[in-house]
Amino acid sequence: MKNEQIKKYLWLICLIVIICGCAGPKGKRLDMAFYHLDYAPPMRVAMEPASATIAIEPFRSMAPFNTNRIIYSTSPVTYDAYAYHQWFSDPADMVFTLLFRDMRSAGIFRAVMHADDRLADYRVTGIVESFLEQDQQDPWQAVLSITITLIDKTQMDTSRQIVFQKNYTAIRPCHRKNPQALADAMSMALAEVSAGVIADIHTALSPSPAATP
């Protein structure tokens, strides 16, 4: 009789584990899935290259986005994270890596280098301020917000080193309600932001056209 009760308890425990693994509003699973951002690099732009060398420093992420976990929001004051879906690397690394690639691919700078290279004329720093799935409306949205600072290393006067500091925000709809759709939408958001950052840096480093007499 005692053995029969033990078997019943074991079967009940197994059933609970199976149900918990399959249940949940976010479709949580027992296996871990990883996602990253991906989009085509920009084509070389038909612009006069800026005669400047640029070093892009690794970006930072503000809390709660300084994690590999995929953050989502169901109200303006709540954040949560998927249990079994994660980014392959944290948002700061993904944004930095793709922006670095895009700036090189654009072909409108003399050189684009990694980190604080002593040969660079300018430094680019970035902070990821938002990187989440926003579930407050239908369709869900991928929200990306970063702040870029362009610093002139050739200036000895520190008060004149900051060329500009600007926030870039992009919101793209998720075509389905799952992390894969979020990764697709976030990729498109970053492609939009990247294009804006590159255009602004190029404009800031290009000589102003001569005034027409």
N, C-alpha and C. Protein backbone atom coordinates (compact mmCIF):
# COMPACT_ATOMS: atom_id res chain seq x y z
N MET A 1 0.83 -1.21 0.00
CA MET A 1 0.00 0.00 0.00
C MET A 1 0.86 1.25 0.00
N LYS A 2 1.91 1.20 0.78
CA LYS A 2 2.81 2.35 0.86
C LYS A 2 3.49 2.59 -0.47
N ASN A 3 3.91 1.52 -1.15
CA ASN A 3 4.55 1.67 -2.46
C ASN A 3 3.59 2.27 -3.49
N GLU A 4 2.33 1.89 -3.42
CA GLU A 4 1.34 2.44 -4.34
C GLU A 4 1.19 3.94 -4.14
N GLN A 5 1.19 4.40 -2.88
CA GLN A 5 1.07 5.83 -2.60
C GLN A 5 2.29 6.58 -3.13
N ILE A 6 3.48 5.99 -2.97
CA ILE A 6 4.70 6.63 -3.47
C ILE A 6 4.63 6.79 -4.99
N LYS A 7 4.15 5.74 -5.67
CA LYS A 7 4.03 5.81 -7.13
C LYS A 7 3.06 6.90 -7.55
N LYS A 8 1.96 7.03 -6.83
CA LYS A 8 0.99 8.06 -7.15
C LYS A 8 1.59 9.45 -7.00
N TYR A 9 2.36 9.65 -5.92
CA TYR A 9 2.99 10.94 -5.69
C TYR A 9 4.01 11.25 -6.79
N LEU A 10 4.77 10.25 -7.21
CA LEU A 10 5.76 10.45 -8.26
C LEU A 10 5.09 10.83 -9.58
N TRP A 11 3.99 10.15 -9.91
CA TRP A 11 3.27 10.48 -11.13
C TRP A 11 2.68 11.89 -11.05
N LEU A 12 2.21 12.28 -9.89
CA LEU A 12 1.65 13.62 -9.71
C LEU A 12 2.73 14.69 -9.88
N ILE A 13 3.91 14.44 -9.34
CA ILE A 13 5.01 15.39 -9.47
C ILE A 13 5.41 15.54 -10.94
N CYS A 14 5.50 14.42 -11.66
CA CYS A 14 5.85 14.46 -13.09
C CYS A 14 4.82 15.26 -13.88
N LEU A 15 3.54 15.05 -13.55
CA LEU A 15 2.47 15.76 -14.25
C LEU A 15 2.56 17.26 -14.01
N ILE A 16 2.85 17.65 -12.78
CA ILE A 16 2.98 19.07 -12.45
C ILE A 16 4.13 19.70 -13.21
N VAL A 17 5.26 19.00 -13.28
CA VAL A 17 6.43 19.52 -14.00
C VAL A 17 6.11 19.74 -15.48
N ILE A 18 5.41 18.77 -16.09
CA ILE A 18 5.05 18.87 -17.52
C ILE A 18 4.12 20.05 -17.75
N ILE A 19 3.12 20.20 -16.88
CA ILE A 19 2.16 21.29 -17.03
C ILE A 19 2.84 22.64 -16.87
N CYS A 20 3.71 22.78 -15.88
CA CYS A 20 4.40 24.05 -15.63
C CYS A 20 5.33 24.40 -16.79
N GLY A 21 5.91 23.37 -17.39
CA GLY A 21 6.82 23.63 -18.50
C GLY A 21 6.11 24.12 -19.74
N CYS A 22 4.86 23.74 -19.93
CA CYS A 22 4.13 24.10 -21.15
C CYS A 22 3.22 25.30 -20.95
N ALA A 23 2.89 25.63 -19.71
CA ALA A 23 1.92 26.67 -19.45
C ALA A 23 2.58 28.03 -19.38
N GLY A 24 1.73 29.08 -19.30
CA GLY A 24 2.24 30.43 -19.14
C GLY A 24 1.88 31.31 -20.31
N PRO A 25 1.54 32.61 -20.04
CA PRO A 25 1.12 33.52 -21.11
C PRO A 25 2.21 33.80 -22.11
N LYS A 26 3.48 33.57 -21.78
CA LYS A 26 4.58 33.82 -22.69
C LYS A 26 5.09 32.55 -23.35
N GLY A 27 4.35 31.46 -23.24
CA GLY A 27 4.74 30.23 -23.91
C GLY A 27 6.09 29.72 -23.41
N LYS A 28 6.33 29.74 -22.11
CA LYS A 28 7.62 29.33 -21.57
C LYS A 28 7.86 27.85 -21.79
N ARG A 29 9.10 27.51 -22.13
CA ARG A 29 9.44 26.12 -22.42
C ARG A 29 10.62 25.71 -21.55
N LEU A 30 10.87 24.42 -21.52
CA LEU A 30 11.97 23.94 -20.71
C LEU A 30 13.31 24.08 -21.43
N ASP A 31 13.32 24.20 -22.76
CA ASP A 31 14.56 24.38 -23.50
C ASP A 31 14.82 25.86 -23.73
N MET A 32 16.09 26.26 -23.70
CA MET A 32 16.46 27.66 -23.85
C MET A 32 16.67 27.99 -25.32
N ALA A 33 16.12 29.13 -25.77
CA ALA A 33 16.31 29.60 -27.14
C ALA A 33 17.03 30.95 -27.11
N PHE A 34 17.95 31.14 -28.06
CA PHE A 34 18.75 32.37 -28.11
C PHE A 34 18.49 33.10 -29.42
N TYR A 35 18.51 34.44 -29.36
CA TYR A 35 18.22 35.27 -30.51
C TYR A 35 19.27 36.36 -30.64
N HIS A 36 19.48 36.80 -31.89
CA HIS A 36 20.37 37.93 -32.12
C HIS A 36 19.77 38.80 -33.21
N LEU A 37 20.33 39.98 -33.42
CA LEU A 37 19.84 40.90 -34.43
C LEU A 37 20.58 40.67 -35.74
N ASP A 38 19.86 40.88 -36.84
CA ASP A 38 20.48 40.66 -38.14
C ASP A 38 19.76 41.48 -39.20
N TYR A 39 20.52 42.20 -40.00
CA TYR A 39 20.00 42.90 -41.16
C TYR A 39 21.17 43.17 -42.10
N ALA A 40 20.88 43.47 -43.34
CA ALA A 40 21.94 43.68 -44.33
C ALA A 40 22.70 44.96 -44.02
N PRO A 41 24.03 44.94 -44.14
CA PRO A 41 24.80 46.18 -43.93
C PRO A 41 24.47 47.18 -45.02
N PRO A 42 24.67 48.47 -44.74
CA PRO A 42 24.34 49.49 -45.75
C PRO A 42 25.27 49.40 -46.95
N MET A 43 24.72 49.76 -48.10
CA MET A 43 25.55 49.87 -49.29
C MET A 43 26.44 51.10 -49.16
N ARG A 44 27.54 51.11 -49.87
CA ARG A 44 28.41 52.28 -49.84
C ARG A 44 27.65 53.50 -50.36
N VAL A 45 27.70 54.56 -49.56
CA VAL A 45 26.92 55.75 -49.86
C VAL A 45 27.67 56.65 -50.83
N ALA A 46 26.93 57.23 -51.78
CA ALA A 46 27.55 58.12 -52.77
C ALA A 46 27.74 59.51 -52.16
N MET A 47 28.64 59.58 -51.17
CA MET A 47 28.97 60.85 -50.53
C MET A 47 30.48 61.01 -50.49
N GLU A 48 30.91 62.24 -50.39
CA GLU A 48 32.34 62.50 -50.23
C GLU A 48 32.75 62.00 -48.84
N PRO A 49 33.76 61.13 -48.76
CA PRO A 49 34.18 60.64 -47.44
C PRO A 49 34.68 61.77 -46.55
N ALA A 50 34.30 61.71 -45.28
CA ALA A 50 34.81 62.68 -44.32
C ALA A 50 36.26 62.35 -44.01
N SER A 51 37.12 63.36 -44.01
CA SER A 51 38.55 63.14 -43.77
C SER A 51 38.82 63.05 -42.28
N ALA A 52 38.26 62.04 -41.66
CA ALA A 52 38.40 61.87 -40.21
C ALA A 52 38.47 60.39 -39.88
N THR A 53 39.23 60.07 -38.83
CA THR A 53 39.28 58.70 -38.32
C THR A 53 38.45 58.64 -37.04
N ILE A 54 37.69 57.57 -36.90
CA ILE A 54 36.73 57.46 -35.79
C ILE A 54 36.97 56.18 -35.03
N ALA A 55 36.94 56.26 -33.73
CA ALA A 55 37.00 55.08 -32.87
C ALA A 55 35.67 54.93 -32.14
N ILE A 56 35.07 53.76 -32.25
CA ILE A 56 33.80 53.50 -31.57
C ILE A 56 34.09 52.67 -30.33
N GLU A 57 33.70 53.20 -29.19
CA GLU A 57 33.92 52.49 -27.93
C GLU A 57 32.76 51.54 -27.64
N PRO A 58 33.01 50.44 -26.95
CA PRO A 58 31.92 49.53 -26.56
C PRO A 58 30.81 50.29 -25.84
N PHE A 59 29.58 49.97 -26.17
CA PHE A 59 28.44 50.66 -25.59
C PHE A 59 28.10 50.11 -24.20
N ARG A 60 27.27 50.86 -23.50
CA ARG A 60 26.73 50.44 -22.21
C ARG A 60 25.21 50.40 -22.29
N SER A 61 24.59 49.60 -21.43
CA SER A 61 23.13 49.53 -21.35
C SER A 61 22.67 49.99 -19.98
N MET A 62 21.60 50.74 -19.97
CA MET A 62 20.99 51.13 -18.70
C MET A 62 20.10 50.00 -18.19
N ALA A 63 19.97 49.92 -16.86
CA ALA A 63 19.07 48.93 -16.26
C ALA A 63 17.63 49.27 -16.67
N PRO A 64 16.80 48.25 -16.88
CA PRO A 64 17.03 46.82 -16.70
C PRO A 64 17.49 46.09 -17.97
N PHE A 65 18.04 46.85 -18.92
CA PHE A 65 18.38 46.25 -20.22
C PHE A 65 19.84 45.79 -20.29
N ASN A 66 20.56 45.88 -19.18
CA ASN A 66 21.95 45.42 -19.12
C ASN A 66 22.00 43.93 -18.78
N THR A 67 21.36 43.12 -19.61
CA THR A 67 21.23 41.69 -19.38
C THR A 67 20.96 40.99 -20.70
N ASN A 68 21.23 39.70 -20.75
CA ASN A 68 20.89 38.90 -21.93
C ASN A 68 19.42 38.53 -21.96
N ARG A 69 18.72 38.71 -20.87
CA ARG A 69 17.32 38.33 -20.82
C ARG A 69 16.48 39.27 -21.69
N ILE A 70 15.47 38.72 -22.33
CA ILE A 70 14.58 39.51 -23.19
C ILE A 70 13.52 40.16 -22.31
N ILE A 71 13.56 41.48 -22.26
CA ILE A 71 12.65 42.24 -21.40
C ILE A 71 11.39 42.60 -22.17
N TYR A 72 10.24 42.47 -21.51
CA TYR A 72 8.99 42.92 -22.11
C TYR A 72 8.19 43.71 -21.07
N SER A 73 7.28 44.53 -21.57
CA SER A 73 6.48 45.38 -20.69
C SER A 73 5.01 45.24 -21.06
N THR A 74 4.18 45.08 -20.06
CA THR A 74 2.75 44.97 -20.28
C THR A 74 1.99 46.20 -19.77
N SER A 75 2.70 47.13 -19.14
CA SER A 75 2.11 48.39 -18.69
C SER A 75 3.25 49.41 -18.56
N PRO A 76 2.93 50.70 -18.46
CA PRO A 76 3.98 51.71 -18.38
C PRO A 76 4.89 51.58 -17.15
N VAL A 77 4.45 50.83 -16.15
CA VAL A 77 5.24 50.77 -14.91
C VAL A 77 5.71 49.36 -14.56
N THR A 78 5.59 48.42 -15.49
CA THR A 78 6.02 47.05 -15.18
C THR A 78 6.96 46.52 -16.25
N TYR A 79 7.95 45.75 -15.80
CA TYR A 79 8.86 45.03 -16.68
C TYR A 79 8.88 43.57 -16.25
N ASP A 80 9.07 42.68 -17.21
CA ASP A 80 9.25 41.27 -16.92
C ASP A 80 10.23 40.72 -17.94
N ALA A 81 10.61 39.46 -17.79
CA ALA A 81 11.57 38.85 -18.71
C ALA A 81 11.14 37.43 -19.03
N TYR A 82 11.37 37.01 -20.27
CA TYR A 82 11.13 35.63 -20.65
C TYR A 82 12.06 34.72 -19.85
N ALA A 83 11.55 33.56 -19.47
CA ALA A 83 12.36 32.62 -18.69
C ALA A 83 13.24 31.76 -19.58
N TYR A 84 12.76 31.38 -20.77
CA TYR A 84 13.48 30.43 -21.61
C TYR A 84 13.80 30.99 -23.00
N HIS A 85 13.81 32.32 -23.11
CA HIS A 85 14.21 32.99 -24.35
C HIS A 85 15.17 34.11 -23.96
N GLN A 86 16.34 34.13 -24.58
CA GLN A 86 17.34 35.14 -24.25
C GLN A 86 18.00 35.68 -25.51
N TRP A 87 18.59 36.88 -25.37
CA TRP A 87 19.46 37.39 -26.42
C TRP A 87 20.77 36.62 -26.37
N PHE A 88 21.39 36.44 -27.53
CA PHE A 88 22.66 35.72 -27.58
C PHE A 88 23.76 36.49 -26.86
N SER A 89 23.71 37.82 -26.93
CA SER A 89 24.60 38.68 -26.15
C SER A 89 23.77 39.86 -25.68
N ASP A 90 24.31 40.65 -24.76
CA ASP A 90 23.48 41.72 -24.19
C ASP A 90 23.28 42.83 -25.23
N PRO A 91 22.23 43.65 -25.08
CA PRO A 91 21.89 44.66 -26.08
C PRO A 91 23.03 45.61 -26.43
N ALA A 92 23.81 46.02 -25.46
CA ALA A 92 24.91 46.95 -25.74
C ALA A 92 25.90 46.34 -26.73
N ASP A 93 26.22 45.06 -26.56
CA ASP A 93 27.16 44.39 -27.46
C ASP A 93 26.58 44.27 -28.87
N MET A 94 25.29 43.91 -28.98
CA MET A 94 24.69 43.75 -30.30
C MET A 94 24.62 45.08 -31.04
N VAL A 95 24.21 46.14 -30.35
CA VAL A 95 24.11 47.45 -30.99
C VAL A 95 25.49 47.95 -31.41
N PHE A 96 26.46 47.83 -30.52
CA PHE A 96 27.83 48.26 -30.82
C PHE A 96 28.39 47.51 -32.04
N THR A 97 28.26 46.20 -32.04
CA THR A 97 28.83 45.38 -33.11
C THR A 97 28.26 45.74 -34.47
N LEU A 98 26.94 45.91 -34.54
CA LEU A 98 26.31 46.19 -35.83
C LEU A 98 26.55 47.63 -36.28
N LEU A 99 26.58 48.58 -35.34
CA LEU A 99 26.87 49.96 -35.73
C LEU A 99 28.31 50.08 -36.23
N PHE A 100 29.23 49.40 -35.58
CA PHE A 100 30.63 49.39 -36.01
C PHE A 100 30.73 48.83 -37.44
N ARG A 101 30.04 47.72 -37.68
CA ARG A 101 30.03 47.13 -39.03
C ARG A 101 29.44 48.10 -40.05
N ASP A 102 28.32 48.74 -39.69
CA ASP A 102 27.63 49.62 -40.63
C ASP A 102 28.47 50.84 -40.98
N MET A 103 29.15 51.42 -39.98
CA MET A 103 29.97 52.60 -40.24
C MET A 103 31.12 52.27 -41.18
N ARG A 104 31.69 51.08 -41.04
CA ARG A 104 32.75 50.66 -41.96
C ARG A 104 32.18 50.40 -43.35
N SER A 105 31.02 49.75 -43.41
CA SER A 105 30.44 49.39 -44.69
C SER A 105 30.01 50.62 -45.49
N ALA A 106 29.63 51.70 -44.80
CA ALA A 106 29.16 52.90 -45.49
C ALA A 106 30.25 53.52 -46.35
N GLY A 107 31.51 53.37 -45.95
CA GLY A 107 32.62 53.86 -46.75
C GLY A 107 32.70 55.37 -46.85
N ILE A 108 32.20 56.10 -45.85
CA ILE A 108 32.22 57.57 -45.91
C ILE A 108 33.09 58.19 -44.81
N PHE A 109 33.96 57.36 -44.23
CA PHE A 109 34.93 57.86 -43.26
C PHE A 109 36.31 57.35 -43.65
N ARG A 110 37.35 58.11 -43.32
CA ARG A 110 38.69 57.68 -43.67
C ARG A 110 39.02 56.34 -43.04
N ALA A 111 38.64 56.17 -41.77
CA ALA A 111 38.84 54.89 -41.08
C ALA A 111 37.91 54.83 -39.89
N VAL A 112 37.43 53.61 -39.62
CA VAL A 112 36.60 53.37 -38.43
C VAL A 112 37.30 52.28 -37.63
N MET A 113 37.63 52.61 -36.39
CA MET A 113 38.43 51.70 -35.56
C MET A 113 37.69 51.32 -34.29
N HIS A 114 38.20 50.28 -33.66
CA HIS A 114 37.59 49.73 -32.46
C HIS A 114 38.15 50.41 -31.22
N ALA A 115 37.26 50.75 -30.31
CA ALA A 115 37.62 51.29 -28.99
C ALA A 115 38.35 52.63 -29.10
N ASP A 116 39.08 53.00 -28.06
CA ASP A 116 39.71 54.32 -27.99
C ASP A 116 41.09 54.26 -28.64
N ASP A 117 41.11 54.09 -29.93
CA ASP A 117 42.38 54.01 -30.66
C ASP A 117 43.07 55.37 -30.62
N ARG A 118 44.35 55.38 -30.29
CA ARG A 118 45.06 56.65 -30.13
C ARG A 118 45.27 57.36 -31.46
N LEU A 119 45.07 56.65 -32.60
CA LEU A 119 45.21 57.27 -33.90
C LEU A 119 43.93 57.96 -34.36
N ALA A 120 42.85 57.75 -33.65
CA ALA A 120 41.56 58.30 -34.08
C ALA A 120 41.45 59.78 -33.75
N ASP A 121 40.75 60.50 -34.62
CA ASP A 121 40.49 61.93 -34.38
C ASP A 121 39.25 62.12 -33.52
N TYR A 122 38.30 61.17 -33.62
CA TYR A 122 37.03 61.30 -32.92
C TYR A 122 36.67 59.99 -32.22
N ARG A 123 35.91 60.13 -31.14
CA ARG A 123 35.39 58.98 -30.41
C ARG A 123 33.87 58.99 -30.47
N VAL A 124 33.30 57.81 -30.57
CA VAL A 124 31.85 57.65 -30.51
C VAL A 124 31.53 56.76 -29.31
N THR A 125 30.71 57.25 -28.40
CA THR A 125 30.25 56.45 -27.27
C THR A 125 28.73 56.32 -27.35
N GLY A 126 28.20 55.27 -26.76
CA GLY A 126 26.76 55.05 -26.83
C GLY A 126 26.20 54.39 -25.59
N ILE A 127 24.95 54.72 -25.28
CA ILE A 127 24.23 54.12 -24.16
C ILE A 127 22.89 53.61 -24.67
N VAL A 128 22.60 52.34 -24.44
CA VAL A 128 21.30 51.78 -24.80
C VAL A 128 20.34 52.08 -23.66
N GLU A 129 19.33 52.88 -23.95
CA GLU A 129 18.39 53.33 -22.91
C GLU A 129 17.10 52.53 -22.89
N SER A 130 16.71 51.99 -24.04
CA SER A 130 15.53 51.11 -24.12
C SER A 130 15.79 50.02 -25.13
N PHE A 131 15.40 48.81 -24.79
CA PHE A 131 15.59 47.66 -25.68
C PHE A 131 14.62 46.60 -25.23
N LEU A 132 13.37 46.72 -25.66
CA LEU A 132 12.35 45.85 -25.09
C LEU A 132 11.20 45.57 -26.05
N GLU A 133 10.42 44.58 -25.67
CA GLU A 133 9.17 44.25 -26.33
C GLU A 133 8.05 44.93 -25.56
N GLN A 134 7.32 45.78 -26.24
CA GLN A 134 6.23 46.52 -25.59
C GLN A 134 4.91 45.87 -25.97
N ASP A 135 4.23 45.30 -24.96
CA ASP A 135 3.01 44.51 -25.21
C ASP A 135 1.74 45.27 -24.82
N GLN A 136 1.81 46.57 -24.72
CA GLN A 136 0.67 47.34 -24.22
C GLN A 136 -0.39 47.58 -25.28
N GLN A 137 -0.09 47.27 -26.53
CA GLN A 137 -1.07 47.45 -27.59
C GLN A 137 -0.87 46.37 -28.65
N ASP A 138 -1.80 46.30 -29.58
CA ASP A 138 -1.74 45.30 -30.63
C ASP A 138 -1.52 46.00 -31.96
N PRO A 139 -0.46 45.71 -32.72
CA PRO A 139 0.51 44.64 -32.46
C PRO A 139 1.54 45.04 -31.41
N TRP A 140 2.23 44.03 -30.87
CA TRP A 140 3.34 44.32 -29.99
C TRP A 140 4.41 45.11 -30.74
N GLN A 141 5.29 45.80 -30.00
CA GLN A 141 6.27 46.64 -30.64
C GLN A 141 7.68 46.40 -30.08
N ALA A 142 8.65 46.52 -30.95
CA ALA A 142 10.05 46.52 -30.53
C ALA A 142 10.47 47.97 -30.34
N VAL A 143 10.97 48.28 -29.17
CA VAL A 143 11.35 49.66 -28.84
C VAL A 143 12.85 49.72 -28.60
N LEU A 144 13.51 50.55 -29.38
CA LEU A 144 14.96 50.74 -29.25
C LEU A 144 15.24 52.22 -29.09
N SER A 145 16.05 52.55 -28.08
CA SER A 145 16.43 53.94 -27.86
C SER A 145 17.89 53.97 -27.40
N ILE A 146 18.72 54.72 -28.12
CA ILE A 146 20.12 54.85 -27.73
C ILE A 146 20.52 56.32 -27.79
N THR A 147 21.50 56.69 -26.98
CA THR A 147 22.07 58.03 -27.01
C THR A 147 23.52 57.93 -27.46
N ILE A 148 23.85 58.70 -28.48
CA ILE A 148 25.18 58.71 -29.06
C ILE A 148 25.88 60.02 -28.74
N THR A 149 27.14 59.94 -28.38
CA THR A 149 27.96 61.14 -28.15
C THR A 149 29.18 61.08 -29.07
N LEU A 150 29.39 62.14 -29.83
CA LEU A 150 30.55 62.26 -30.71
C LEU A 150 31.54 63.23 -30.07
N ILE A 151 32.77 62.77 -29.85
CA ILE A 151 33.78 63.54 -29.12
C ILE A 151 34.98 63.82 -30.02
N ASP A 152 35.40 65.07 -30.06
CA ASP A 152 36.55 65.50 -30.86
C ASP A 152 37.82 65.38 -30.02
N LYS A 153 38.65 64.41 -30.32
CA LYS A 153 39.88 64.18 -29.55
C LYS A 153 40.98 65.18 -29.88
N THR A 154 40.81 65.89 -31.00
CA THR A 154 41.85 66.84 -31.39
C THR A 154 41.75 68.14 -30.62
N GLN A 155 40.63 68.37 -29.95
CA GLN A 155 40.44 69.59 -29.18
C GLN A 155 41.14 69.48 -27.82
N MET A 156 42.00 70.43 -27.53
CA MET A 156 42.66 70.45 -26.22
C MET A 156 41.74 70.98 -25.14
N ASP A 157 40.84 71.88 -25.52
CA ASP A 157 39.89 72.46 -24.59
C ASP A 157 38.74 71.47 -24.38
N THR A 158 38.65 70.89 -23.19
CA THR A 158 37.63 69.87 -22.93
C THR A 158 36.21 70.40 -23.09
N SER A 159 36.00 71.68 -22.90
CA SER A 159 34.67 72.25 -23.02
C SER A 159 34.19 72.27 -24.47
N ARG A 160 35.10 72.03 -25.41
CA ARG A 160 34.74 72.06 -26.82
C ARG A 160 34.87 70.67 -27.48
N GLN A 161 35.10 69.65 -26.69
CA GLN A 161 35.32 68.33 -27.26
C GLN A 161 34.05 67.64 -27.73
N ILE A 162 32.93 67.92 -27.09
CA ILE A 162 31.69 67.25 -27.48
C ILE A 162 31.12 67.93 -28.73
N VAL A 163 31.11 67.18 -29.83
CA VAL A 163 30.58 67.70 -31.08
C VAL A 163 29.06 67.68 -31.04
N PHE A 164 28.49 66.56 -30.64
CA PHE A 164 27.05 66.50 -30.41
C PHE A 164 26.72 65.29 -29.53
N GLN A 165 25.57 65.38 -28.90
CA GLN A 165 24.99 64.26 -28.16
C GLN A 165 23.52 64.20 -28.54
N LYS A 166 23.08 63.02 -29.00
CA LYS A 166 21.73 62.93 -29.55
C LYS A 166 21.11 61.58 -29.25
N ASN A 167 19.81 61.60 -28.99
CA ASN A 167 19.07 60.36 -28.78
C ASN A 167 18.43 59.90 -30.08
N TYR A 168 18.48 58.60 -30.31
CA TYR A 168 17.85 58.00 -31.48
C TYR A 168 16.88 56.93 -31.00
N THR A 169 15.63 57.05 -31.40
CA THR A 169 14.61 56.09 -30.98
C THR A 169 13.87 55.56 -32.20
N ALA A 170 13.67 54.25 -32.23
CA ALA A 170 12.90 53.63 -33.31
C ALA A 170 11.94 52.61 -32.69
N ILE A 171 10.72 52.58 -33.20
CA ILE A 171 9.69 51.64 -32.75
C ILE A 171 9.17 50.91 -33.98
N ARG A 172 9.27 49.59 -33.97
CA ARG A 172 8.82 48.78 -35.09
C ARG A 172 7.82 47.73 -34.61
N PRO A 173 6.76 47.46 -35.39
CA PRO A 173 5.76 46.46 -34.98
C PRO A 173 6.29 45.05 -35.09
N CYS A 174 5.85 44.21 -34.17
CA CYS A 174 6.14 42.76 -34.23
C CYS A 174 5.00 42.10 -35.01
N HIS A 175 5.31 41.37 -36.05
CA HIS A 175 4.27 40.79 -36.90
C HIS A 175 3.62 39.57 -36.25
N ARG A 176 4.26 39.03 -35.23
CA ARG A 176 3.66 37.96 -34.44
C ARG A 176 3.98 38.21 -32.98
N LYS A 177 3.31 37.47 -32.12
CA LYS A 177 3.52 37.66 -30.68
C LYS A 177 4.45 36.58 -30.15
N ASN A 178 5.73 36.70 -30.54
CA ASN A 178 6.73 35.75 -30.04
C ASN A 178 8.11 36.39 -30.12
N PRO A 179 9.11 35.83 -29.44
CA PRO A 179 10.44 36.42 -29.42
C PRO A 179 11.11 36.51 -30.79
N GLN A 180 10.83 35.56 -31.68
CA GLN A 180 11.42 35.61 -33.02
C GLN A 180 10.95 36.87 -33.75
N ALA A 181 9.65 37.17 -33.64
CA ALA A 181 9.12 38.38 -34.27
C ALA A 181 9.73 39.63 -33.63
N LEU A 182 9.97 39.58 -32.33
CA LEU A 182 10.64 40.70 -31.65
C LEU A 182 12.04 40.90 -32.22
N ALA A 183 12.80 39.82 -32.39
CA ALA A 183 14.16 39.92 -32.92
C ALA A 183 14.14 40.52 -34.33
N ASP A 184 13.16 40.11 -35.15
CA ASP A 184 13.05 40.66 -36.50
C ASP A 184 12.74 42.16 -36.46
N ALA A 185 11.78 42.54 -35.61
CA ALA A 185 11.39 43.95 -35.51
C ALA A 185 12.52 44.79 -34.93
N MET A 186 13.23 44.25 -33.94
CA MET A 186 14.33 45.00 -33.32
C MET A 186 15.47 45.18 -34.32
N SER A 187 15.68 44.19 -35.18
CA SER A 187 16.71 44.32 -36.22
C SER A 187 16.39 45.49 -37.13
N MET A 188 15.12 45.62 -37.54
CA MET A 188 14.73 46.73 -38.40
C MET A 188 14.82 48.07 -37.67
N ALA A 189 14.53 48.07 -36.37
CA ALA A 189 14.67 49.30 -35.59
C ALA A 189 16.12 49.73 -35.53
N LEU A 190 17.03 48.79 -35.34
CA LEU A 190 18.44 49.14 -35.28
C LEU A 190 18.96 49.59 -36.64
N ALA A 191 18.48 48.98 -37.72
CA ALA A 191 18.88 49.42 -39.05
C ALA A 191 18.50 50.88 -39.27
N GLU A 192 17.31 51.26 -38.81
CA GLU A 192 16.86 52.65 -38.93
C GLU A 192 17.72 53.60 -38.09
N VAL A 193 17.98 53.21 -36.86
CA VAL A 193 18.79 54.04 -35.97
C VAL A 193 20.21 54.16 -36.50
N SER A 194 20.78 53.06 -36.96
CA SER A 194 22.14 53.07 -37.47
C SER A 194 22.29 54.04 -38.64
N ALA A 195 21.32 54.03 -39.55
CA ALA A 195 21.38 54.95 -40.69
C ALA A 195 21.36 56.40 -40.23
N GLY A 196 20.56 56.70 -39.23
CA GLY A 196 20.50 58.07 -38.71
C GLY A 196 21.79 58.49 -38.04
N VAL A 197 22.37 57.58 -37.26
CA VAL A 197 23.64 57.88 -36.57
C VAL A 197 24.74 58.16 -37.59
N ILE A 198 24.86 57.29 -38.58
CA ILE A 198 25.92 57.44 -39.58
C ILE A 198 25.77 58.75 -40.35
N ALA A 199 24.54 59.09 -40.74
CA ALA A 199 24.30 60.33 -41.49
C ALA A 199 24.66 61.55 -40.65
N ASP A 200 24.30 61.54 -39.37
CA ASP A 200 24.58 62.69 -38.51
C ASP A 200 26.07 62.85 -38.25
N ILE A 201 26.77 61.74 -38.05
CA ILE A 201 28.22 61.84 -37.82
C ILE A 201 28.92 62.33 -39.08
N HIS A 202 28.50 61.82 -40.22
CA HIS A 202 29.11 62.28 -41.47
C HIS A 202 28.88 63.77 -41.67
N THR A 203 27.68 64.25 -41.41
CA THR A 203 27.36 65.68 -41.55
C THR A 203 28.21 66.52 -40.60
N ALA A 204 28.37 66.03 -39.36
CA ALA A 204 29.13 66.79 -38.36
C ALA A 204 30.61 66.88 -38.71
N LEU A 205 31.13 65.87 -39.41
CA LEU A 205 32.57 65.84 -39.70
C LEU A 205 32.90 66.36 -41.10
N SER A 206 31.88 66.67 -41.89
CA SER A 206 32.14 67.17 -43.23
C SER A 206 32.24 68.70 -43.20
N PRO A 207 33.13 69.26 -43.98
CA PRO A 207 33.26 70.72 -44.00
C PRO A 207 32.00 71.37 -44.55
N SER A 208 31.64 72.51 -43.98
CA SER A 208 30.47 73.23 -44.45
C SER A 208 30.72 73.74 -45.86
N PRO A 209 29.70 73.70 -46.71
CA PRO A 209 29.90 74.21 -48.08
C PRO A 209 30.22 75.68 -48.07
N ALA A 210 31.05 76.08 -48.98
CA ALA A 210 31.43 77.51 -49.03
C ALA A 210 30.22 78.37 -49.30
N ALA A 211 30.19 79.46 -48.63
CA ALA A 211 29.05 80.36 -48.77
C ALA A 211 29.01 80.94 -50.18
N THR A 212 27.83 80.97 -50.75
CA THR A 212 27.66 81.50 -52.10
C THR A 212 27.72 83.02 -52.05
N PRO A 213 28.57 83.68 -52.84
CA PRO A 213 28.67 85.13 -52.79
C PRO A 213 27.39 85.78 -53.31
